[in-house]
Protein backbone atom coordinates (compact mmCIF):
# COMPACT_ATOMS: atom_id res chain seq x y z
CA MET A 1 -136.84 -11.06 203.27
CA ASP A 2 -133.25 -9.77 203.41
CA LEU A 3 -131.04 -12.89 203.45
CA GLU A 4 -127.76 -10.80 203.49
CA GLY A 5 -128.86 -8.66 206.45
CA PHE A 6 -129.94 -11.73 208.38
CA ALA A 7 -126.72 -13.49 207.71
CA LYS A 8 -124.52 -10.53 208.68
CA ARG A 9 -126.42 -10.07 211.96
CA CYS A 10 -125.98 -13.79 212.85
CA LEU A 11 -122.30 -13.69 211.94
CA SER A 12 -121.73 -10.59 214.04
CA ARG A 13 -123.26 -12.41 217.12
CA GLY A 14 -121.07 -15.48 216.37
CA ASP A 15 -124.07 -17.79 215.59
CA GLU A 16 -122.99 -21.15 214.16
CA ASP A 17 -126.15 -22.53 212.42
CA VAL A 18 -126.60 -19.70 210.01
CA PRO A 19 -126.59 -21.81 206.77
CA GLU A 20 -129.39 -24.15 208.14
CA ARG A 21 -131.48 -21.33 209.28
CA LEU A 22 -131.15 -19.50 206.02
CA ALA A 23 -131.98 -22.58 204.02
CA GLY A 24 -135.14 -23.01 205.99
CA MET A 25 -136.18 -19.43 205.19
CA ILE A 26 -135.43 -19.83 201.48
CA LEU A 27 -137.58 -22.94 201.32
CA GLU A 28 -140.35 -21.13 203.18
CA VAL A 29 -140.53 -18.57 200.46
CA LYS A 30 -139.65 -20.50 197.36
CA GLY A 31 -141.38 -23.73 198.34
CA ALA A 32 -141.57 -26.52 195.81
CA ARG A 33 -139.88 -24.49 193.06
CA ILE A 34 -136.50 -25.44 194.50
CA SER A 35 -135.09 -28.58 196.25
CA ARG A 36 -133.76 -28.69 199.74
CA GLU A 37 -130.20 -29.26 198.39
CA TYR A 38 -130.40 -26.15 196.28
CA ALA A 39 -131.66 -24.03 199.19
CA GLY A 40 -128.71 -25.35 201.09
CA GLU A 41 -126.28 -24.28 198.46
CA LEU A 42 -127.95 -20.86 198.23
CA ALA A 43 -127.62 -20.39 201.97
CA LYS A 44 -123.89 -21.30 201.94
CA ALA A 45 -123.22 -18.84 199.12
CA VAL A 46 -125.17 -16.11 201.10
CA VAL A 47 -123.00 -16.71 204.20
CA GLU A 48 -119.84 -16.71 202.08
CA GLU A 49 -120.63 -13.36 200.62
CA ALA A 50 -121.81 -11.89 204.02
CA ARG A 51 -118.58 -13.08 205.64
CA ALA A 52 -116.44 -11.55 202.96
CA THR A 53 -118.12 -8.13 203.27
CA LEU A 54 -118.65 -8.08 207.07
CA ASP A 55 -115.71 -5.72 207.79
CA PRO A 56 -114.07 -4.52 204.63
CA LYS A 57 -110.99 -2.22 205.14
CA GLY A 58 -110.62 1.20 203.51
CA GLU A 59 -111.79 4.70 204.02
CA VAL A 60 -114.50 4.39 201.34
CA PHE A 61 -116.17 1.62 203.47
CA ASP A 62 -116.09 3.59 206.73
CA LEU A 63 -119.46 4.16 208.32
CA SER A 64 -119.91 5.25 211.85
CA GLU A 65 -123.47 4.47 212.79
CA ALA A 66 -125.66 7.23 214.23
CA GLY A 67 -127.38 4.86 216.71
CA VAL A 68 -130.74 6.07 215.40
CA THR A 69 -132.88 4.01 213.04
CA MET A 70 -135.06 5.40 210.23
CA GLY A 71 -138.20 4.17 212.11
CA GLU A 72 -137.18 5.71 215.50
CA PHE A 73 -136.56 9.08 213.89
CA GLY A 74 -139.67 8.89 211.81
CA VAL A 75 -137.84 9.30 208.54
CA GLY A 76 -140.41 8.83 205.66
CA SER A 77 -143.31 9.23 208.16
CA ARG A 78 -143.95 12.90 207.26
CA GLY A 79 -143.68 14.42 210.70
CA SER A 80 -141.08 16.42 212.67
CA GLY A 81 -138.42 13.81 212.48
CA ASP A 82 -138.73 13.44 208.69
CA PHE A 83 -138.63 17.20 208.21
CA TYR A 84 -135.52 17.42 210.40
CA ALA A 85 -133.91 14.70 208.35
CA HIS A 86 -134.62 16.50 205.14
CA GLU A 87 -133.01 19.65 206.47
CA LYS A 88 -129.88 17.55 207.11
CA ILE A 89 -130.07 16.00 203.57
CA ALA A 90 -129.87 19.50 202.23
CA GLU A 91 -126.88 20.26 204.44
CA VAL A 92 -125.00 17.03 203.13
CA ILE A 93 -125.77 18.04 199.55
CA GLY A 94 -124.48 21.53 200.12
CA GLU A 95 -124.58 24.65 197.89
CA THR A 96 -125.82 23.67 194.42
CA GLY A 97 -126.20 26.96 192.47
CA ALA A 98 -129.71 25.85 191.65
CA VAL A 99 -132.61 28.32 191.51
CA VAL A 100 -134.61 26.03 193.86
CA ASP A 101 -132.96 23.04 195.65
CA SER A 102 -133.45 20.93 198.73
CA ARG A 103 -132.81 23.73 201.11
CA GLN A 104 -136.09 25.38 200.24
CA LEU A 105 -138.01 22.16 201.17
CA ASP A 106 -139.98 22.15 197.97
CA ASP A 107 -140.87 18.77 196.43
CA SER A 108 -139.06 19.72 193.23
CA GLY A 109 -135.99 21.58 192.23
CA ALA A 110 -135.25 23.97 189.43
CA VAL A 111 -132.19 25.11 187.38
CA GLU A 112 -131.95 27.72 184.66
CA ALA A 113 -131.00 26.50 181.16
CA GLY A 114 -131.47 28.00 177.74
CA GLY A 115 -133.57 30.80 179.07
CA LYS A 116 -136.07 28.48 180.73
CA TYR A 117 -136.54 26.89 184.13
CA ILE A 118 -135.95 23.13 184.07
CA VAL A 119 -137.89 21.58 186.96
CA LEU A 120 -137.12 18.05 188.13
CA THR A 121 -138.71 15.82 190.73
CA VAL A 122 -139.03 12.23 191.84
CA ASP A 123 -141.44 10.40 194.08
CA GLY A 124 -141.31 7.00 195.65
CA MET A 125 -144.34 4.75 195.34
CA HIS A 126 -146.32 4.26 198.56
CA SER A 127 -144.71 1.41 200.32
CA ARG A 128 -148.05 -0.18 201.54
CA LEU A 129 -149.32 -0.46 197.93
CA SER A 130 -146.71 -3.16 196.98
CA ASP A 131 -149.41 -5.82 196.60
CA TYR A 132 -151.51 -3.48 194.29
CA PRO A 133 -149.08 -2.56 191.58
CA PHE A 134 -151.40 -0.64 189.34
CA LEU A 135 -152.62 1.59 192.36
CA ALA A 136 -149.03 2.12 193.32
CA GLY A 137 -148.05 3.22 189.81
CA PHE A 138 -151.13 5.38 189.38
CA HIS A 139 -150.67 7.23 192.70
CA VAL A 140 -146.89 7.79 192.49
CA THR A 141 -147.25 9.14 188.97
CA ARG A 142 -149.98 11.63 190.00
CA ALA A 143 -147.64 12.58 192.99
CA THR A 144 -144.68 13.29 190.81
CA LEU A 145 -146.63 15.33 188.33
CA ARG A 146 -148.25 17.35 191.13
CA ASP A 147 -144.81 18.32 192.28
CA ILE A 148 -143.84 19.71 188.73
CA LEU A 149 -147.19 21.48 188.31
CA VAL A 150 -147.11 23.23 191.72
CA MET A 151 -143.86 24.78 190.58
CA ARG A 152 -145.85 26.22 187.74
CA ALA A 153 -143.93 24.19 185.33
CA ARG A 154 -145.45 22.09 182.33
CA PRO A 155 -144.47 18.38 182.74
CA VAL A 156 -142.95 17.10 179.44
CA ALA A 157 -141.62 13.73 180.22
CA MET A 158 -141.43 10.94 182.97
CA PHE A 159 -139.09 8.19 184.00
CA SER A 160 -139.69 5.23 186.22
CA ASP A 161 -137.44 3.01 188.41
CA ILE A 162 -139.00 -0.45 189.39
CA HIS A 163 -137.59 -2.83 191.91
CA LEU A 164 -139.29 -6.18 192.34
CA ALA A 165 -137.96 -8.93 194.70
CA ASP A 166 -136.61 -12.22 193.43
CA ASP A 167 -139.90 -14.08 193.83
CA GLY A 168 -142.22 -11.46 192.52
CA ASP A 169 -144.40 -12.51 189.42
CA VAL A 170 -143.40 -10.65 186.32
CA SER A 171 -147.09 -9.66 185.97
CA ARG A 172 -146.49 -7.15 188.81
CA LEU A 173 -144.05 -5.17 186.61
CA PHE A 174 -146.58 -4.81 183.80
CA ASP A 175 -149.40 -3.85 186.20
CA HIS A 176 -147.31 -1.29 187.81
CA LEU A 177 -146.27 0.23 184.48
CA ALA A 178 -149.89 0.17 183.39
CA GLY A 179 -150.74 2.35 186.39
CA ILE A 180 -147.98 4.81 185.51
CA ALA A 181 -148.80 4.91 181.77
CA ALA A 182 -152.56 5.33 182.47
CA VAL A 183 -152.02 8.70 184.15
CA GLY A 184 -149.46 9.68 181.49
CA GLU A 185 -151.90 9.06 178.70
CA VAL A 186 -154.76 10.88 180.30
CA VAL A 187 -152.70 14.10 180.89
CA GLY A 188 -150.47 13.74 177.90
CA VAL A 189 -147.08 13.23 179.53
CA PRO A 190 -145.06 10.38 178.13
CA LEU A 191 -143.10 7.84 180.05
CA ILE A 192 -139.99 7.75 178.04
CA THR A 193 -137.27 5.78 180.11
CA GLY A 194 -136.58 3.95 183.22
CA SER A 195 -134.96 1.00 184.94
CA THR A 196 -136.20 -2.35 186.13
CA LEU A 197 -134.28 -4.25 188.66
CA ARG A 198 -134.67 -6.88 191.48
CA ILE A 199 -134.52 -5.62 195.11
CA GLY A 200 -131.12 -6.66 196.39
CA GLY A 201 -130.58 -9.02 193.52
CA ASP A 202 -130.38 -12.64 194.69
CA MET A 203 -130.11 -11.58 198.29
CA VAL A 204 -133.70 -10.41 198.95
CA ILE A 205 -136.47 -13.03 198.50
CA GLY A 206 -140.14 -12.50 198.46
CA ASN A 207 -142.44 -10.41 196.25
CA ARG A 208 -142.04 -6.95 197.60
CA LEU A 209 -142.28 -4.14 194.95
CA THR A 210 -140.88 -0.63 195.37
CA GLY A 211 -139.75 2.08 193.04
CA CYS A 212 -140.26 5.66 191.96
CA VAL A 213 -141.51 7.88 189.11
CA GLY A 214 -139.73 11.06 188.23
CA ALA A 215 -140.68 13.87 185.90
CA VAL A 216 -139.13 16.88 184.17
CA GLY A 217 -140.97 20.07 183.44
CA VAL A 218 -140.27 23.39 181.71
CA SER A 219 -141.37 26.91 182.68
CA ASP A 220 -140.83 30.61 182.19
CA ARG A 221 -141.77 31.39 185.83
CA LEU A 222 -141.67 29.60 189.20
CA SER A 223 -143.93 29.47 192.28
CA PRO A 224 -141.71 28.01 195.10
CA ARG A 225 -142.88 28.07 198.62
CA LYS A 226 -140.38 30.71 199.70
CA ASN A 227 -142.34 33.35 197.67
CA ALA A 228 -145.34 33.28 200.14
CA ALA A 229 -145.73 36.85 201.48
CA PRO A 230 -147.65 38.69 204.20
CA GLY A 231 -151.11 39.76 202.89
CA ASP A 232 -151.47 36.80 200.63
CA VAL A 233 -154.62 34.63 200.75
CA ILE A 234 -154.55 30.81 200.90
CA LEU A 235 -156.77 28.84 198.50
CA MET A 236 -157.28 25.09 198.44
CA THR A 237 -158.94 22.76 196.03
CA GLU A 238 -161.06 19.67 196.77
CA GLY A 239 -159.19 16.54 197.57
CA ALA A 240 -159.90 12.80 197.86
CA GLY A 241 -156.45 11.49 198.72
CA GLY A 242 -153.94 9.28 196.95
CA GLY A 243 -151.73 6.56 198.18
CA THR A 244 -152.15 7.28 201.85
CA VAL A 245 -155.97 7.28 201.73
CA CYS A 246 -155.73 4.02 199.61
CA ALA A 247 -153.66 2.40 202.19
CA ALA A 248 -156.08 3.48 204.96
CA ALA A 249 -159.00 2.16 203.01
CA LEU A 250 -157.26 -1.14 202.09
CA TYR A 251 -155.98 -2.08 205.45
CA TYR A 252 -159.06 -1.06 207.43
CA GLY A 253 -161.33 -2.86 204.98
CA HIS A 254 -163.14 0.24 203.43
CA HIS A 255 -162.14 -0.98 199.98
CA GLU A 256 -164.94 0.98 198.25
CA VAL A 257 -163.23 4.23 199.21
CA VAL A 258 -160.21 3.35 197.01
CA GLU A 259 -162.32 4.22 193.99
CA GLU A 260 -162.72 7.89 195.20
CA THR A 261 -158.94 8.40 194.65
CA ILE A 262 -158.87 7.34 191.04
CA ASN A 263 -158.99 10.68 189.34
CA VAL A 264 -156.69 13.42 187.97
CA LYS A 265 -158.63 16.41 189.21
CA PHE A 266 -155.50 17.99 190.86
CA LEU A 267 -153.54 17.71 187.55
CA GLU A 268 -156.32 19.28 185.53
CA ALA A 269 -156.76 22.13 187.94
CA ALA A 270 -153.02 22.89 188.33
CA SER A 271 -152.56 22.40 184.53
CA ALA A 272 -155.27 25.11 183.80
CA LEU A 273 -153.34 27.54 186.00
CA LEU A 274 -150.29 27.34 183.71
CA ASP A 275 -151.98 29.33 181.05
CA ALA A 276 -153.84 31.77 183.39
CA ASP A 277 -152.52 35.27 183.30
CA VAL A 278 -152.79 35.75 187.11
CA GLU A 279 -150.23 36.34 189.88
CA ILE A 280 -149.44 33.35 192.03
CA HIS A 281 -146.66 33.42 194.74
CA ALA A 282 -146.43 29.81 195.87
CA MET A 283 -148.14 26.46 195.32
CA THR A 284 -147.84 23.08 196.94
CA ASP A 285 -149.77 19.86 197.20
CA VAL A 286 -151.25 18.80 200.51
CA THR A 287 -149.08 15.69 200.98
CA ASN A 288 -146.20 15.72 203.51
CA GLY A 289 -147.87 14.98 206.83
CA GLY A 290 -151.02 16.58 205.52
CA ILE A 291 -151.68 20.33 205.65
CA ARG A 292 -150.02 20.40 209.16
CA GLY A 293 -146.72 19.40 207.59
CA ASP A 294 -146.96 21.55 204.47
CA ALA A 295 -147.99 24.66 206.37
CA LYS A 296 -144.99 24.25 208.72
CA GLU A 297 -142.50 23.93 205.91
CA ILE A 298 -144.04 26.96 204.14
CA SER A 299 -143.91 29.04 207.26
CA LYS A 300 -140.21 28.19 207.85
CA THR A 301 -139.10 28.53 204.29
CA ALA A 302 -140.89 31.88 203.66
CA GLY A 303 -140.48 33.31 207.18
CA VAL A 304 -144.28 34.00 207.55
CA LYS A 305 -147.16 33.14 209.71
CA LEU A 306 -150.01 31.00 208.11
CA VAL A 307 -153.56 31.17 209.57
CA PHE A 308 -156.13 28.52 208.49
CA GLU A 309 -159.91 28.28 208.82
CA GLU A 310 -160.71 24.66 209.68
CA GLU A 311 -164.31 24.67 208.65
CA MET A 312 -163.40 25.86 205.21
CA MET A 313 -160.82 23.09 204.84
CA ARG A 314 -163.17 20.45 206.02
CA GLY A 315 -165.67 21.24 203.30
CA LEU A 316 -163.14 20.56 200.59
CA VAL A 317 -162.27 17.01 201.65
CA ASN A 318 -164.14 14.22 199.65
CA ARG A 319 -167.25 13.28 201.69
CA ARG A 320 -166.69 9.56 201.61
CA VAL A 321 -162.96 9.92 202.39
CA LEU A 322 -163.77 12.30 205.36
CA GLU A 323 -166.42 9.94 206.77
CA MET A 324 -163.97 6.99 206.65
CA LEU A 325 -161.19 9.06 208.21
CA GLU A 326 -163.40 10.34 211.04
CA ALA A 327 -164.84 6.91 211.71
CA LEU A 328 -161.33 5.44 212.03
CA GLU A 329 -160.29 8.47 214.24
CA ILE A 330 -157.56 9.59 211.69
CA ASP A 331 -156.83 13.27 211.71
CA TYR A 332 -157.55 14.41 208.16
CA LEU A 333 -155.31 17.45 208.68
CA GLY A 334 -152.38 15.11 209.19
CA VAL A 335 -152.58 12.99 206.06
CA SER A 336 -152.29 13.51 202.27
CA ILE A 337 -155.56 14.57 200.86
CA ASP A 338 -154.21 15.30 197.33
CA ALA A 339 -155.45 18.98 197.40
CA LEU A 340 -153.78 21.87 195.69
CA LEU A 341 -152.79 24.78 197.96
CA ILE A 342 -152.30 28.16 196.36
CA ILE A 343 -150.85 31.23 198.00
CA ALA A 344 -151.52 34.49 196.00
CA PRO A 345 -152.23 38.20 196.40
CA PRO A 346 -156.00 38.88 197.31
CA SER A 347 -156.40 40.58 193.90
CA SER A 348 -155.79 37.20 192.21
CA ALA A 349 -158.14 35.14 194.30
CA GLU A 350 -161.36 35.48 192.22
CA GLU A 351 -159.75 34.83 188.92
CA LEU A 352 -157.76 31.81 190.35
CA MET A 353 -161.07 30.25 191.63
CA LYS A 354 -162.72 30.93 188.35
CA VAL A 355 -160.01 29.08 186.40
CA VAL A 356 -160.01 26.07 188.71
CA ARG A 357 -163.77 25.81 188.91
CA GLY A 358 -163.82 25.89 185.14
CA THR A 359 -162.21 22.46 185.17
CA GLY A 360 -164.94 21.11 187.34
CA VAL A 361 -162.80 21.14 190.43
CA ASP A 362 -164.04 22.84 193.65
CA ILE A 363 -161.86 25.48 195.44
CA ASP A 364 -162.28 27.98 198.19
CA MET A 365 -160.37 30.41 200.34
CA ILE A 366 -159.15 28.73 203.56
CA GLY A 367 -156.81 31.16 205.14
CA ARG A 368 -154.26 34.05 204.89
CA VAL A 369 -150.51 34.80 205.33
CA GLU A 370 -149.33 37.23 207.97
CA GLU A 371 -146.23 38.79 209.38
CA GLY A 372 -144.48 36.58 211.95
CA CYS A 373 -143.82 32.82 212.02
CA GLY A 374 -145.69 29.63 212.78
CA ILE A 375 -149.17 28.36 211.88
CA GLU A 376 -152.63 28.79 213.41
CA LEU A 377 -155.79 26.78 213.07
CA HIS A 378 -159.03 28.75 213.73
CA THR A 379 -162.01 26.47 214.69
CA ARG A 380 -165.48 26.92 216.04
CA ASP A 381 -163.91 26.28 219.46
CA GLY A 382 -161.18 28.74 219.09
CA ILE A 383 -157.52 28.72 217.98
CA LYS A 384 -156.05 25.25 218.23
CA ASP A 385 -152.55 23.67 217.90
CA PHE A 386 -151.62 23.19 214.32
CA GLU A 387 -148.13 21.92 214.70
CA PRO A 388 -147.18 18.73 212.76
CA GLN A 389 -146.82 15.65 214.91
CA PHE A 390 -143.78 13.41 215.18
CA ARG A 391 -145.35 11.24 212.51
CA GLU A 392 -148.16 11.81 210.16
CA SER A 393 -151.60 10.73 211.31
CA ALA A 394 -151.55 6.98 211.94
CA TYR A 395 -153.62 5.73 209.04
CA THR A 396 -153.23 1.85 209.25
CA PRO A 397 -153.49 -0.51 212.12
CA ILE A 398 -149.70 -1.09 212.32
CA LYS A 399 -149.13 2.69 212.40
CA LYS A 400 -151.34 3.13 215.29
CA VAL A 401 -149.38 0.45 217.19
CA VAL A 402 -146.09 2.05 216.22
CA ASP A 403 -147.43 5.41 217.51
CA GLU A 404 -148.29 3.79 220.80
CA GLY A 405 -144.81 2.06 221.05
CA PRO A 406 -141.60 3.14 222.78
CA VAL A 407 -140.46 6.75 222.00
CA ARG A 408 -136.88 7.95 222.24
CA ASP A 409 -135.98 11.53 223.26
CA PHE A 410 -136.05 13.68 220.11
CA ALA A 411 -133.28 16.05 221.25
CA GLU A 412 -131.01 13.04 222.02
CA MET A 413 -131.68 11.51 218.64
CA SER A 414 -131.27 14.87 216.82
CA GLU A 415 -127.72 15.26 218.23
CA LYS A 416 -126.72 11.80 216.89
CA VAL A 417 -128.34 12.67 213.47
CA ASP A 418 -126.44 15.93 213.41
CA ILE A 419 -123.16 14.02 213.97
CA ALA A 420 -123.96 11.49 211.33
CA ALA A 421 -124.70 14.31 208.79
CA GLU A 422 -121.41 16.11 209.69
CA ARG A 423 -119.44 12.90 209.21
CA ALA A 424 -121.07 12.41 205.75
CA ILE A 425 -120.20 16.10 204.72
CA ASP A 426 -116.66 15.58 205.90
CA LYS A 427 -116.34 12.34 203.92
CA LYS A 428 -117.82 13.99 200.85
CA ARG A 429 -115.26 16.74 201.11
CA ARG A 430 -112.30 14.38 201.48
CA PHE A 431 -113.25 12.42 198.46
CA VAL A 432 -114.01 15.47 196.32
CA GLU A 433 -110.59 16.76 197.22
CA ARG A 434 -108.97 13.37 196.43
CA ILE A 435 -110.67 13.01 193.04
CA ARG A 436 -109.85 16.60 192.06
CA ALA A 437 -106.17 16.07 193.01
CA GLN A 438 -106.07 13.08 190.60
CA GLY A 439 -107.26 15.36 187.74
CA GLY A 440 -110.93 14.52 187.83
CA GLY A 441 -114.11 16.66 188.25
CA ALA A 442 -115.27 19.99 186.94
CA SER A 443 -112.19 21.87 188.19
CA GLY A 444 -109.78 20.04 186.14
CA GLY A 445 -109.03 16.92 184.16
CA SER A 446 -110.39 15.48 180.96
């Protein structure tokens, strides 16, 4: 519960009973642990701080709202709106000089240092796993290590950032860390540093948990998405899902399916490929909006057409997971199934499958890369649409309601998002110039 946000909205409307309403909210959450008098004092302090920061003056505080919310545009929902937003993020960051950066739409970036490629990535924990800290830690750790491995880098260390709201029991911290460390111990990648904070400090009450895990890897060679080339074949390993499948299983009451996701098969298969003397052009994990989303990004980044055989893909999805998804009418092609996607020359295919199967992980050829652009899905009933949806497949009850709710015009929202990104780029430029003029930054100063 965001006390500051509530107070500022009320003050902006001119409401007069804000402290009393806030005190009631605070008591609702904190209960008998505090007195009514103390809740009232807290509420008054919240209002005082909210009023002081309601409209601060100065260029650094300036923010012209886009008029488009995160939810309306689908940011974080792994569909077309999210992909569009990430393209704009790359524009705001600008030219970096990195070997791989946000412009390539890979899930990790790379720089060259000391004759090696240093690969860096970070993943946020699945927001719906807040009440299950161990699962949240386990799956976010797998996700971040996946992103290092698909760049064909060897992960060497991890860091974590944990934010727990003011009323969260401390045990949640330790349970979350145990989930992170469990993966690290199994695959031999240490968690060496991190940060632990409260969400919003004193201004956010409740027990919501969020955070991220990042990793760094080292490599002599890379396999970014942009290297996919016409004539390549597409291979995929088996997948049982991660945080997304966990959330679907939890919130639809299929709790037994969660156990299917507790494995490190992806990491074992990808790790085996690090030492394989075989040519690989590109790798990715099937996560962002499912294979629909990943395929779209690869096609755009590499400037190629991808063709997939649906029947081959279906056979690689964990049986219990697939049965649950189909029973719930969740499109398995639009959610993360935690599979490894490999794009390589046809001459590499047999050796790649031999290496992966040697780890006990199933793999098969599911498609090919052609000249052109876009993506095709070949099924028994012919060629079907394979474009990503506005959001990933709705995999919880609330997501299905959101999908059926009001929808704004995408073109109209995109224009507003473009303007917001342009304003951010201009603000960045002005402050870079100002700081450099003061003698700071790489171009001058001490």
